[in-house]
Amino acid sequence: MPLALALSPHLDDAAFSCGGTLAQLARRGWQVEVATLFTASVPDPAGFALACQLDKGLGPEVDYMALRRAEDAAACARLGAAARHVPLREAPHRGYGSAPALFGDLAPGDNVRPALADALRALLAETRPDLVLAPQAVGGHVDHVQLVLALRALVPERPVLWWRDFPYTVRHADPKEPFRADFAGLPEAAVRLAAEDEAAKREACAAYASQLGFQFGGLAGLDSRLAVEEGRERFRMQGAMPGSLDRMPDTVSGRSLSETVSRARAAPERGRFPHREAIIRKPYER
């Protein structure tokens, strides 16, 4: 059974951004795992970190991250996926003291990347995935940026579907994209979701009850934001897609995902993504 591993910065990012694709993979017989990297509980939160849960109606006595991990387990179950939680601290617990700071430059004292790289290396070695899914860091959240930097440095010998980070993609007409130039050299794809995949994604997103008001203003806001996506999830593709993705339609090209990448390999390069050539020339074989 082929295995897909989604690498999610936070406890909701994978479901929000590519939950329909994960549900479709599970429905087609794939084993799907969602590994969320920044999930550590922190005793006695203070300052901005505490404010992040108080503004959701959760008092200081509540283990906010434990609550979110439980939500994530329920959301992943709705997608047909297994949840994994890596105990790294979110940005508010690493010295980022305001909402603008979360979307600004990486703090000089933010030394999470070595531990993040170790965690990614261990996940890839243990699961040996046939396909990796990861964020493009659209929106510029520092945790998303750290994940992209750490994963790129590892040069994973697996094909990667880099997702566009929802809901940042629909909040602004031209969202911040720290890696826009890097990803421009990779083929685009949009996976068309079947009705059952859209329903599974909606149920998974709704399972993050602590986030709905903050992110969308409630369920109605979630539905309206999902409607903007028009039943599609968009990616950049790195490496040779597994042949078992042949039946997943790419609505950008009208071909299958694996065929889209095959044709892109034969075409002249218009841009260059770090390590792209090495990945394409060494497709991972399980």
C-alpha atoms as a PDB file:
ATOM      1  CA  MET A   1       0.000   0.000   0.000  1.00  0.00           C
ATOM      2  CA  PRO A   2       1.536   3.371  -0.979  1.00  0.00           C
ATOM      3  CA  LEU A   3       1.979   5.917   1.808  1.00  0.00           C
ATOM      4  CA  ALA A   4       1.434   9.677   1.698  1.00  0.00           C
ATOM      5  CA  LEU A   5       2.931  11.832   4.452  1.00  0.00           C
ATOM      6  CA  ALA A   6       1.600  15.358   4.959  1.00  0.00           C
ATOM      7  CA  LEU A   7       3.931  17.642   6.911  1.00  0.00           C
ATOM      8  CA  SER A   8       1.776  20.223   8.644  1.00  0.00           C
ATOM      9  CA  PRO A   9       3.222  23.180  10.580  1.00  0.00           C
ATOM     10  CA  HIS A  10       0.166  23.561  12.820  1.00  0.00           C
ATOM     11  CA  LEU A  11      -2.765  21.473  13.976  1.00  0.00           C
ATOM     12  CA  ASP A  12      -5.101  22.347  11.079  1.00  0.00           C
ATOM     13  CA  ASP A  13      -2.874  23.409   8.168  1.00  0.00           C
ATOM     14  CA  ALA A  14      -2.916  20.119   6.265  1.00  0.00           C
ATOM     15  CA  ALA A  15      -6.683  19.703   6.543  1.00  0.00           C
ATOM     16  CA  PHE A  16      -7.328  23.326   5.563  1.00  0.00           C
ATOM     17  CA  SER A  17      -4.954  23.279   2.592  1.00  0.00           C
ATOM     18  CA  CYS A  18      -5.058  19.758   1.163  1.00  0.00           C
ATOM     19  CA  GLY A  19      -7.641  17.833   3.187  1.00  0.00           C
ATOM     20  CA  GLY A  20      -9.620  16.937   0.090  1.00  0.00           C
ATOM     21  CA  THR A  21      -6.557  15.508  -1.629  1.00  0.00           C
ATOM     22  CA  LEU A  22      -5.692  13.494   1.483  1.00  0.00           C
ATOM     23  CA  ALA A  23      -9.258  12.156   1.617  1.00  0.00           C
ATOM     24  CA  GLN A  24      -9.069  11.236  -2.066  1.00  0.00           C
ATOM     25  CA  LEU A  25      -5.779   9.412  -1.571  1.00  0.00           C
ATOM     26  CA  ALA A  26      -7.233   7.467   1.365  1.00  0.00           C
ATOM     27  CA  ARG A  27     -10.317   6.631  -0.686  1.00  0.00           C
ATOM     28  CA  ARG A  28      -8.072   5.301  -3.471  1.00  0.00           C
ATOM     29  CA  GLY A  29      -6.329   2.889  -1.117  1.00  0.00           C
ATOM     30  CA  TRP A  30      -3.358   4.941   0.107  1.00  0.00           C
ATOM     31  CA  GLN A  31      -2.175   4.940   3.691  1.00  0.00           C
ATOM     32  CA  VAL A  32      -2.265   8.594   4.728  1.00  0.00           C
ATOM     33  CA  GLU A  33      -0.456  10.123   7.684  1.00  0.00           C
ATOM     34  CA  VAL A  34      -0.501  13.742   8.828  1.00  0.00           C
ATOM     35  CA  ALA A  35       2.504  14.740  10.918  1.00  0.00           C
ATOM     36  CA  THR A  36       2.121  18.092  12.639  1.00  0.00           C
ATOM     37  CA  LEU A  37       5.394  19.593  13.777  1.00  0.00           C
ATOM     38  CA  PHE A  38       4.565  22.410  16.218  1.00  0.00           C
ATOM     39  CA  THR A  39       2.305  20.783  18.812  1.00  0.00           C
ATOM     40  CA  ALA A  40       4.084  20.991  22.200  1.00  0.00           C
ATOM     41  CA  SER A  41       2.136  21.826  25.334  1.00  0.00           C
ATOM     42  CA  VAL A  42       3.824  24.600  27.333  1.00  0.00           C
ATOM     43  CA  PRO A  43       3.062  24.883  31.064  1.00  0.00           C
ATOM     44  CA  ASP A  44       2.034  28.307  32.376  1.00  0.00           C
ATOM     45  CA  PRO A  45       1.886  30.232  29.085  1.00  0.00           C
ATOM     46  CA  ALA A  46       2.313  33.981  29.390  1.00  0.00           C
ATOM     47  CA  GLY A  47       2.220  37.136  27.298  1.00  0.00           C
ATOM     48  CA  PHE A  48       1.235  36.788  23.666  1.00  0.00           C
ATOM     49  CA  ALA A  49       1.215  32.980  23.900  1.00  0.00           C
ATOM     50  CA  LEU A  50      -1.409  33.154  26.642  1.00  0.00           C
ATOM     51  CA  ALA A  51      -3.366  35.797  24.723  1.00  0.00           C
ATOM     52  CA  CYS A  52      -3.615  33.386  21.784  1.00  0.00           C
ATOM     53  CA  GLN A  53      -5.830  31.108  23.868  1.00  0.00           C
ATOM     54  CA  LEU A  54      -7.592  33.721  25.977  1.00  0.00           C
ATOM     55  CA  ASP A  55      -8.977  35.354  22.830  1.00  0.00           C
ATOM     56  CA  LYS A  56     -10.599  32.018  22.004  1.00  0.00           C
ATOM     57  CA  GLY A  57     -12.348  31.859  25.377  1.00  0.00           C
ATOM     58  CA  LEU A  58      -9.868  29.375  26.878  1.00  0.00           C
ATOM     59  CA  GLY A  59      -8.547  30.183  30.336  1.00  0.00           C
ATOM     60  CA  PRO A  60      -4.910  29.810  31.449  1.00  0.00           C
ATOM     61  CA  GLU A  61      -5.760  26.534  33.197  1.00  0.00           C
ATOM     62  CA  VAL A  62      -6.612  24.885  29.846  1.00  0.00           C
ATOM     63  CA  ASP A  63      -3.921  22.883  28.072  1.00  0.00           C
ATOM     64  CA  TYR A  64      -4.583  24.588  24.772  1.00  0.00           C
ATOM     65  CA  MET A  65      -2.295  22.386  22.709  1.00  0.00           C
ATOM     66  CA  ALA A  66      -3.707  19.169  24.187  1.00  0.00           C
ATOM     67  CA  LEU A  67      -7.161  20.378  23.154  1.00  0.00           C
ATOM     68  CA  ARG A  68      -5.872  21.123  19.664  1.00  0.00           C
ATOM     69  CA  ARG A  69      -4.160  17.741  19.372  1.00  0.00           C
ATOM     70  CA  ALA A  70      -7.480  16.064  20.175  1.00  0.00           C
ATOM     71  CA  GLU A  71      -9.197  18.180  17.511  1.00  0.00           C
ATOM     72  CA  ASP A  72      -6.522  17.165  15.027  1.00  0.00           C
ATOM     73  CA  ALA A  73      -6.959  13.465  15.749  1.00  0.00           C
ATOM     74  CA  ALA A  74     -10.683  13.818  15.089  1.00  0.00           C
ATOM     75  CA  ALA A  75     -10.091  15.829  11.903  1.00  0.00           C
ATOM     76  CA  CYS A  76      -7.601  13.322  10.522  1.00  0.00           C
ATOM     77  CA  ALA A  77     -10.010  10.468  11.218  1.00  0.00           C
ATOM     78  CA  ARG A  78     -12.588  12.226   9.031  1.00  0.00           C
ATOM     79  CA  LEU A  79     -10.022  12.289   6.206  1.00  0.00           C
ATOM     80  CA  GLY A  80      -9.121   8.621   6.623  1.00  0.00           C
ATOM     81  CA  ALA A  81      -5.673   9.633   7.890  1.00  0.00           C
ATOM     82  CA  ALA A  82      -3.601   8.870  10.969  1.00  0.00           C
ATOM     83  CA  ALA A  83      -2.351  11.791  13.067  1.00  0.00           C
ATOM     84  CA  ARG A  84       1.207  12.195  14.338  1.00  0.00           C
ATOM     85  CA  HIS A  85       2.254  14.992  16.692  1.00  0.00           C
ATOM     86  CA  VAL A  86       5.825  16.246  17.043  1.00  0.00           C
ATOM     87  CA  PRO A  87       6.410  18.197  20.285  1.00  0.00           C
ATOM     88  CA  LEU A  88       8.094  21.343  18.977  1.00  0.00           C
ATOM     89  CA  ARG A  89       6.960  24.728  20.308  1.00  0.00           C
ATOM     90  CA  GLU A  90       4.864  27.102  18.229  1.00  0.00           C
ATOM     91  CA  ALA A  91       6.254  30.539  17.410  1.00  0.00           C
ATOM     92  CA  PRO A  92       4.493  32.396  20.298  1.00  0.00           C
ATOM     93  CA  HIS A  93       6.476  30.148  22.659  1.00  0.00           C
ATOM     94  CA  ARG A  94       9.757  30.918  20.837  1.00  0.00           C
ATOM     95  CA  GLY A  95       9.836  34.670  21.372  1.00  0.00           C
ATOM     96  CA  TYR A  96       7.423  35.966  18.712  1.00  0.00           C
ATOM     97  CA  GLY A  97       5.417  38.415  20.782  1.00  0.00           C
ATOM     98  CA  SER A  98       2.676  39.725  18.500  1.00  0.00           C
ATOM     99  CA  ALA A  99       0.501  38.784  15.543  1.00  0.00           C
ATOM    100  CA  PRO A 100       2.560  40.963  13.134  1.00  0.00           C
ATOM    101  CA  ALA A 101       5.732  39.225  14.343  1.00  0.00           C
ATOM    102  CA  LEU A 102       4.283  35.854  13.305  1.00  0.00           C
ATOM    103  CA  PHE A 103       4.211  37.062   9.703  1.00  0.00           C
ATOM    104  CA  GLY A 104       7.442  39.074   9.738  1.00  0.00           C
ATOM    105  CA  ASP A 105      11.077  38.144   9.486  1.00  0.00           C
ATOM    106  CA  LEU A 106      12.492  35.125  11.287  1.00  0.00           C
ATOM    107  CA  ALA A 107      13.720  36.186  14.722  1.00  0.00           C
ATOM    108  CA  PRO A 108      17.518  36.023  15.164  1.00  0.00           C
ATOM    109  CA  GLY A 109      17.039  33.967  18.333  1.00  0.00           C
ATOM    110  CA  ASP A 110      14.676  31.451  16.761  1.00  0.00           C
ATOM    111  CA  ASN A 111      16.884  28.354  16.738  1.00  0.00           C
ATOM    112  CA  VAL A 112      14.155  25.770  16.108  1.00  0.00           C
ATOM    113  CA  ARG A 113      15.419  24.661  12.708  1.00  0.00           C
ATOM    114  CA  PRO A 114      17.994  22.028  13.795  1.00  0.00           C
ATOM    115  CA  ALA A 115      15.391  20.266  15.956  1.00  0.00           C
ATOM    116  CA  LEU A 116      12.840  20.630  13.163  1.00  0.00           C
ATOM    117  CA  ALA A 117      15.270  19.118  10.642  1.00  0.00           C
ATOM    118  CA  ASP A 118      15.966  16.212  13.003  1.00  0.00           C
ATOM    119  CA  ALA A 119      12.237  15.578  13.380  1.00  0.00           C
ATOM    120  CA  LEU A 120      11.674  15.661   9.609  1.00  0.00           C
ATOM    121  CA  ARG A 121      14.614  13.366   8.989  1.00  0.00           C
ATOM    122  CA  ALA A 122      13.260  10.860  11.514  1.00  0.00           C
ATOM    123  CA  LEU A 123       9.745  10.992  10.046  1.00  0.00           C
ATOM    124  CA  LEU A 124      10.984  10.391   6.513  1.00  0.00           C
ATOM    125  CA  ALA A 125      13.236   7.547   7.612  1.00  0.00           C
ATOM    126  CA  GLU A 126      10.499   5.843   9.628  1.00  0.00           C
ATOM    127  CA  THR A 127       7.587   6.190   7.229  1.00  0.00           C
ATOM    128  CA  ARG A 128       9.459   5.912   3.885  1.00  0.00           C
ATOM    129  CA  PRO A 129       6.638   7.745   2.111  1.00  0.00           C
ATOM    130  CA  ASP A 130       5.873   7.399  -1.578  1.00  0.00           C
ATOM    131  CA  LEU A 131       4.618  10.984  -1.582  1.00  0.00           C
ATOM    132  CA  VAL A 132       5.226  13.986   0.673  1.00  0.00           C
ATOM    133  CA  LEU A 133       2.846  16.931   0.953  1.00  0.00           C
ATOM    134  CA  ALA A 134       4.094  20.191   2.480  1.00  0.00           C
ATOM    135  CA  PRO A 135       3.301  23.919   2.558  1.00  0.00           C
ATOM    136  CA  GLN A 136       4.585  26.636   0.246  1.00  0.00           C
ATOM    137  CA  ALA A 137       4.399  29.081   3.195  1.00  0.00           C
ATOM    138  CA  VAL A 138       1.905  31.324   1.428  1.00  0.00           C
ATOM    139  CA  GLY A 139       1.041  34.021   3.963  1.00  0.00           C
ATOM    140  CA  GLY A 140       4.543  34.033   5.398  1.00  0.00           C
ATOM    141  CA  HIS A 141       3.845  32.602   8.868  1.00  0.00           C
ATOM    142  CA  VAL A 142       7.249  31.992  10.470  1.00  0.00           C
ATOM    143  CA  ASP A 143       6.430  28.373  11.410  1.00  0.00           C
ATOM    144  CA  HIS A 144       5.518  27.619   7.787  1.00  0.00           C
ATOM    145  CA  VAL A 145       8.698  29.327   6.595  1.00  0.00           C
ATOM    146  CA  GLN A 146      10.849  27.330   9.013  1.00  0.00           C
ATOM    147  CA  LEU A 147       9.280  24.085   7.778  1.00  0.00           C
ATOM    148  CA  VAL A 148       9.936  24.894   4.114  1.00  0.00           C
ATOM    149  CA  LEU A 149      13.544  25.849   4.834  1.00  0.00           C
ATOM    150  CA  ALA A 150      14.185  22.706   6.880  1.00  0.00           C
ATOM    151  CA  LEU A 151      12.572  20.352   4.358  1.00  0.00           C
ATOM    152  CA  ARG A 152      14.357  21.869   1.360  1.00  0.00           C
ATOM    153  CA  ALA A 153      17.708  21.509   3.108  1.00  0.00           C
ATOM    154  CA  LEU A 154      17.120  17.784   3.600  1.00  0.00           C
ATOM    155  CA  VAL A 155      16.800  17.148  -0.169  1.00  0.00           C
ATOM    156  CA  PRO A 156      14.204  14.409   0.401  1.00  0.00           C
ATOM    157  CA  GLU A 157      14.383  11.619  -2.173  1.00  0.00           C
ATOM    158  CA  ARG A 158      10.603  11.565  -2.472  1.00  0.00           C
ATOM    159  CA  PRO A 159       8.241  13.446  -4.751  1.00  0.00           C
ATOM    160  CA  VAL A 160       6.661  16.444  -3.037  1.00  0.00           C
ATOM    161  CA  LEU A 161       3.325  18.161  -3.585  1.00  0.00           C
ATOM    162  CA  TRP A 162       3.817  21.659  -2.171  1.00  0.00           C
ATOM    163  CA  TRP A 163       0.391  22.976  -1.210  1.00  0.00           C
ATOM    164  CA  ARG A 164      -0.859  26.559  -1.282  1.00  0.00           C
ATOM    165  CA  ASP A 165      -1.638  27.534   2.291  1.00  0.00           C
ATOM    166  CA  PHE A 166      -5.366  28.021   2.908  1.00  0.00           C
ATOM    167  CA  PRO A 167      -6.948  30.300   4.141  1.00  0.00           C
ATOM    168  CA  TYR A 168      -4.132  32.779   3.424  1.00  0.00           C
ATOM    169  CA  THR A 169      -4.699  32.115  -0.285  1.00  0.00           C
ATOM    170  CA  VAL A 170      -8.218  33.557  -0.152  1.00  0.00           C
ATOM    171  CA  ARG A 171      -7.713  36.373   2.355  1.00  0.00           C
ATOM    172  CA  HIS A 172      -5.773  38.605  -0.023  1.00  0.00           C
ATOM    173  CA  ALA A 173      -5.662  38.977  -3.781  1.00  0.00           C
ATOM    174  CA  ASP A 174      -1.856  38.923  -3.656  1.00  0.00           C
ATOM    175  CA  PRO A 175      -0.781  37.174  -0.430  1.00  0.00           C
ATOM    176  CA  LYS A 176       2.767  37.247   0.866  1.00  0.00           C
ATOM    177  CA  GLU A 177       4.802  34.406  -0.710  1.00  0.00           C
ATOM    178  CA  PRO A 178       8.376  34.266   0.622  1.00  0.00           C
ATOM    179  CA  PHE A 179       9.277  31.425  -1.771  1.00  0.00           C
ATOM    180  CA  ARG A 180       7.351  32.565  -4.835  1.00  0.00           C
ATOM    181  CA  ALA A 181      10.426  32.794  -7.058  1.00  0.00           C
ATOM    182  CA  ASP A 182      11.657  29.373  -5.915  1.00  0.00           C
ATOM    183  CA  PHE A 183       8.392  27.570  -6.559  1.00  0.00           C
ATOM    184  CA  ALA A 184       7.819  29.310  -9.899  1.00  0.00           C
ATOM    185  CA  GLY A 185      10.118  26.762 -11.549  1.00  0.00           C
ATOM    186  CA  LEU A 186       7.926  23.801 -10.587  1.00  0.00           C
ATOM    187  CA  PRO A 187       4.867  22.563 -12.521  1.00  0.00           C
ATOM    188  CA  GLU A 188       1.491  23.649 -11.202  1.00  0.00           C
ATOM    189  CA  ALA A 189      -1.352  21.245 -10.520  1.00  0.00           C
ATOM    190  CA  ALA A 190      -4.866  21.562  -9.151  1.00  0.00           C
ATOM    191  CA  VAL A 191      -6.543  18.419  -7.847  1.00  0.00           C
ATOM    192  CA  ARG A 192     -10.264  18.324  -8.556  1.00  0.00           C
ATOM    193  CA  LEU A 193     -12.161  17.038  -5.534  1.00  0.00           C
ATOM    194  CA  ALA A 194     -15.082  14.647  -5.759  1.00  0.00           C
ATOM    195  CA  ALA A 195     -18.156  15.509  -3.703  1.00  0.00           C
ATOM    196  CA  GLU A 196     -17.210  12.989  -1.011  1.00  0.00           C
ATOM    197  CA  ASP A 197     -13.719  14.497  -0.749  1.00  0.00           C
ATOM    198  CA  GLU A 198     -15.138  18.000  -0.360  1.00  0.00           C
ATOM    199  CA  ALA A 199     -17.504  16.722   2.339  1.00  0.00           C
ATOM    200  CA  ALA A 200     -14.671  14.975   4.200  1.00  0.00           C
ATOM    201  CA  LYS A 201     -12.552  18.125   4.035  1.00  0.00           C
ATOM    202  CA  ARG A 202     -15.371  20.283   5.336  1.00  0.00           C
ATOM    203  CA  GLU A 203     -15.987  17.892   8.244  1.00  0.00           C
ATOM    204  CA  ALA A 204     -12.277  17.786   9.046  1.00  0.00           C
ATOM    205  CA  CYS A 205     -11.972  21.577   9.014  1.00  0.00           C
ATOM    206  CA  ALA A 206     -15.052  21.873  11.231  1.00  0.00           C
ATOM    207  CA  ALA A 207     -13.429  19.537  13.765  1.00  0.00           C
ATOM    208  CA  TYR A 208     -11.010  22.342  14.682  1.00  0.00           C
ATOM    209  CA  ALA A 209     -13.689  24.005  16.785  1.00  0.00           C
ATOM    210  CA  SER A 210     -11.230  26.165  18.729  1.00  0.00           C
ATOM    211  CA  GLN A 211     -10.065  27.803  15.480  1.00  0.00           C
ATOM    212  CA  LEU A 212     -13.300  28.342  13.564  1.00  0.00           C
ATOM    213  CA  GLY A 213     -14.261  31.664  15.118  1.00  0.00           C
ATOM    214  CA  PHE A 214     -10.758  33.071  14.914  1.00  0.00           C
ATOM    215  CA  GLN A 215     -10.038  31.891  11.365  1.00  0.00           C
ATOM    216  CA  PHE A 216     -13.437  32.166   9.701  1.00  0.00           C
ATOM    217  CA  GLY A 217     -15.966  33.748  12.073  1.00  0.00           C
ATOM    218  CA  GLY A 218     -17.742  30.385  12.404  1.00  0.00           C
ATOM    219  CA  LEU A 219     -19.005  27.589  10.181  1.00  0.00           C
ATOM    220  CA  ALA A 220     -20.707  29.909   7.718  1.00  0.00           C
ATOM    221  CA  GLY A 221     -17.418  31.732   7.201  1.00  0.00           C
ATOM    222  CA  LEU A 222     -15.610  28.427   6.691  1.00  0.00           C
ATOM    223  CA  ASP A 223     -18.123  27.407   4.032  1.00  0.00           C
ATOM    224  CA  SER A 224     -17.798  30.732   2.254  1.00  0.00           C
ATOM    225  CA  ARG A 225     -13.980  30.510   2.221  1.00  0.00           C
ATOM    226  CA  LEU A 226     -14.035  26.915   0.967  1.00  0.00           C
ATOM    227  CA  ALA A 227     -16.447  27.934  -1.803  1.00  0.00           C
ATOM    228  CA  VAL A 228     -13.798  30.317  -3.176  1.00  0.00           C
ATOM    229  CA  GLU A 229     -11.573  27.282  -3.830  1.00  0.00           C
ATOM    230  CA  GLU A 230     -14.240  25.841  -6.193  1.00  0.00           C
ATOM    231  CA  GLY A 231     -13.586  22.238  -5.219  1.00  0.00           C
ATOM    232  CA  ARG A 232      -9.905  22.317  -6.126  1.00  0.00           C
ATOM    233  CA  GLU A 233      -6.634  22.213  -4.203  1.00  0.00           C
ATOM    234  CA  ARG A 234      -3.554  23.706  -5.807  1.00  0.00           C
ATOM    235  CA  PHE A 235       0.038  22.541  -5.650  1.00  0.00           C
ATOM    236  CA  ARG A 236       3.515  22.819  -7.112  1.00  0.00           C
ATOM    237  CA  MET A 237       4.981  19.425  -7.968  1.00  0.00           C
ATOM    238  CA  GLN A 238       8.576  18.453  -7.253  1.00  0.00           C
ATOM    239  CA  GLY A 239       9.902  15.137  -8.520  1.00  0.00           C
ATOM    240  CA  ALA A 240       8.366  12.235 -10.399  1.00  0.00           C
ATOM    241  CA  MET A 241       4.869  11.581  -9.099  1.00  0.00           C
ATOM    242  CA  PRO A 242       4.056   7.930  -8.273  1.00  0.00           C
ATOM    243  CA  GLY A 243       2.300   6.070 -11.055  1.00  0.00           C
ATOM    244  CA  SER A 244      -0.590   5.335  -8.695  1.00  0.00           C
ATOM    245  CA  LEU A 245      -1.547   9.008  -8.988  1.00  0.00           C
ATOM    246  CA  ASP A 246      -2.491   8.433 -12.630  1.00  0.00           C
ATOM    247  CA  ARG A 247      -6.196   8.526 -11.813  1.00  0.00           C
ATOM    248  CA  MET A 248      -6.027  11.815  -9.892  1.00  0.00           C
ATOM    249  CA  PRO A 249      -7.002  14.546 -12.359  1.00  0.00           C
ATOM    250  CA  ASP A 250      -4.897  17.695 -12.691  1.00  0.00           C
ATOM    251  CA  THR A 251      -7.372  20.416 -13.619  1.00  0.00           C
ATOM    252  CA  VAL A 252      -4.633  22.803 -14.778  1.00  0.00           C
ATOM    253  CA  SER A 253      -3.388  20.568 -17.591  1.00  0.00           C
ATOM    254  CA  GLY A 254      -6.287  18.135 -17.973  1.00  0.00           C
ATOM    255  CA  ARG A 255      -3.840  15.248 -17.486  1.00  0.00           C
ATOM    256  CA  SER A 256      -3.042  13.056 -14.496  1.00  0.00           C
ATOM    257  CA  LEU A 257      -0.608  14.394 -11.898  1.00  0.00           C
ATOM    258  CA  SER A 258       2.114  11.930 -12.862  1.00  0.00           C
ATOM    259  CA  GLU A 259       1.691  12.753 -16.571  1.00  0.00           C
ATOM    260  CA  THR A 260       1.922  16.482 -15.831  1.00  0.00           C
ATOM    261  CA  VAL A 261       5.302  16.015 -14.170  1.00  0.00           C
ATOM    262  CA  SER A 262       6.537  13.683 -16.923  1.00  0.00           C
ATOM    263  CA  ARG A 263       5.769  16.291 -19.563  1.00  0.00           C
ATOM    264  CA  ALA A 264       7.340  19.025 -17.445  1.00  0.00           C
ATOM    265  CA  ARG A 265      10.544  16.987 -17.247  1.00  0.00           C
ATOM    266  CA  ALA A 266      10.719  16.843 -21.025  1.00  0.00           C
ATOM    267  CA  ALA A 267      10.146  20.598 -21.440  1.00  0.00           C
ATOM    268  CA  PRO A 268      12.918  23.211 -21.127  1.00  0.00           C
ATOM    269  CA  GLU A 269      13.252  24.627 -17.631  1.00  0.00           C
ATOM    270  CA  ARG A 270      11.898  28.134 -17.185  1.00  0.00           C
ATOM    271  CA  GLY A 271      13.143  28.511 -13.626  1.00  0.00           C
ATOM    272  CA  ARG A 272      15.130  26.621 -11.079  1.00  0.00           C
ATOM    273  CA  PHE A 273      14.116  25.330  -7.680  1.00  0.00           C
ATOM    274  CA  PRO A 274      16.932  24.320  -5.323  1.00  0.00           C
ATOM    275  CA  HIS A 275      17.566  20.557  -5.617  1.00  0.00           C
ATOM    276  CA  ARG A 276      14.850  20.121  -8.274  1.00  0.00           C
ATOM    277  CA  GLU A 277      17.172  18.498 -10.801  1.00  0.00           C
ATOM    278  CA  ALA A 278      18.483  15.965  -8.303  1.00  0.00           C
ATOM    279  CA  ILE A 279      15.006  15.004  -7.166  1.00  0.00           C
ATOM    280  CA  ILE A 280      13.656  14.539 -10.683  1.00  0.00           C
ATOM    281  CA  ARG A 281      16.634  12.457 -11.769  1.00  0.00           C
ATOM    282  CA  LYS A 282      16.345  10.200  -8.717  1.00  0.00           C
ATOM    283  CA  PRO A 283      12.646   9.347  -8.331  1.00  0.00           C
ATOM    284  CA  TYR A 284      12.042   7.589  -5.039  1.00  0.00           C
ATOM    285  CA  GLU A 285      11.118   3.921  -5.293  1.00  0.00           C
ATOM    286  CA  ARG A 286       9.583   2.223  -2.290  1.00  0.00           C
END
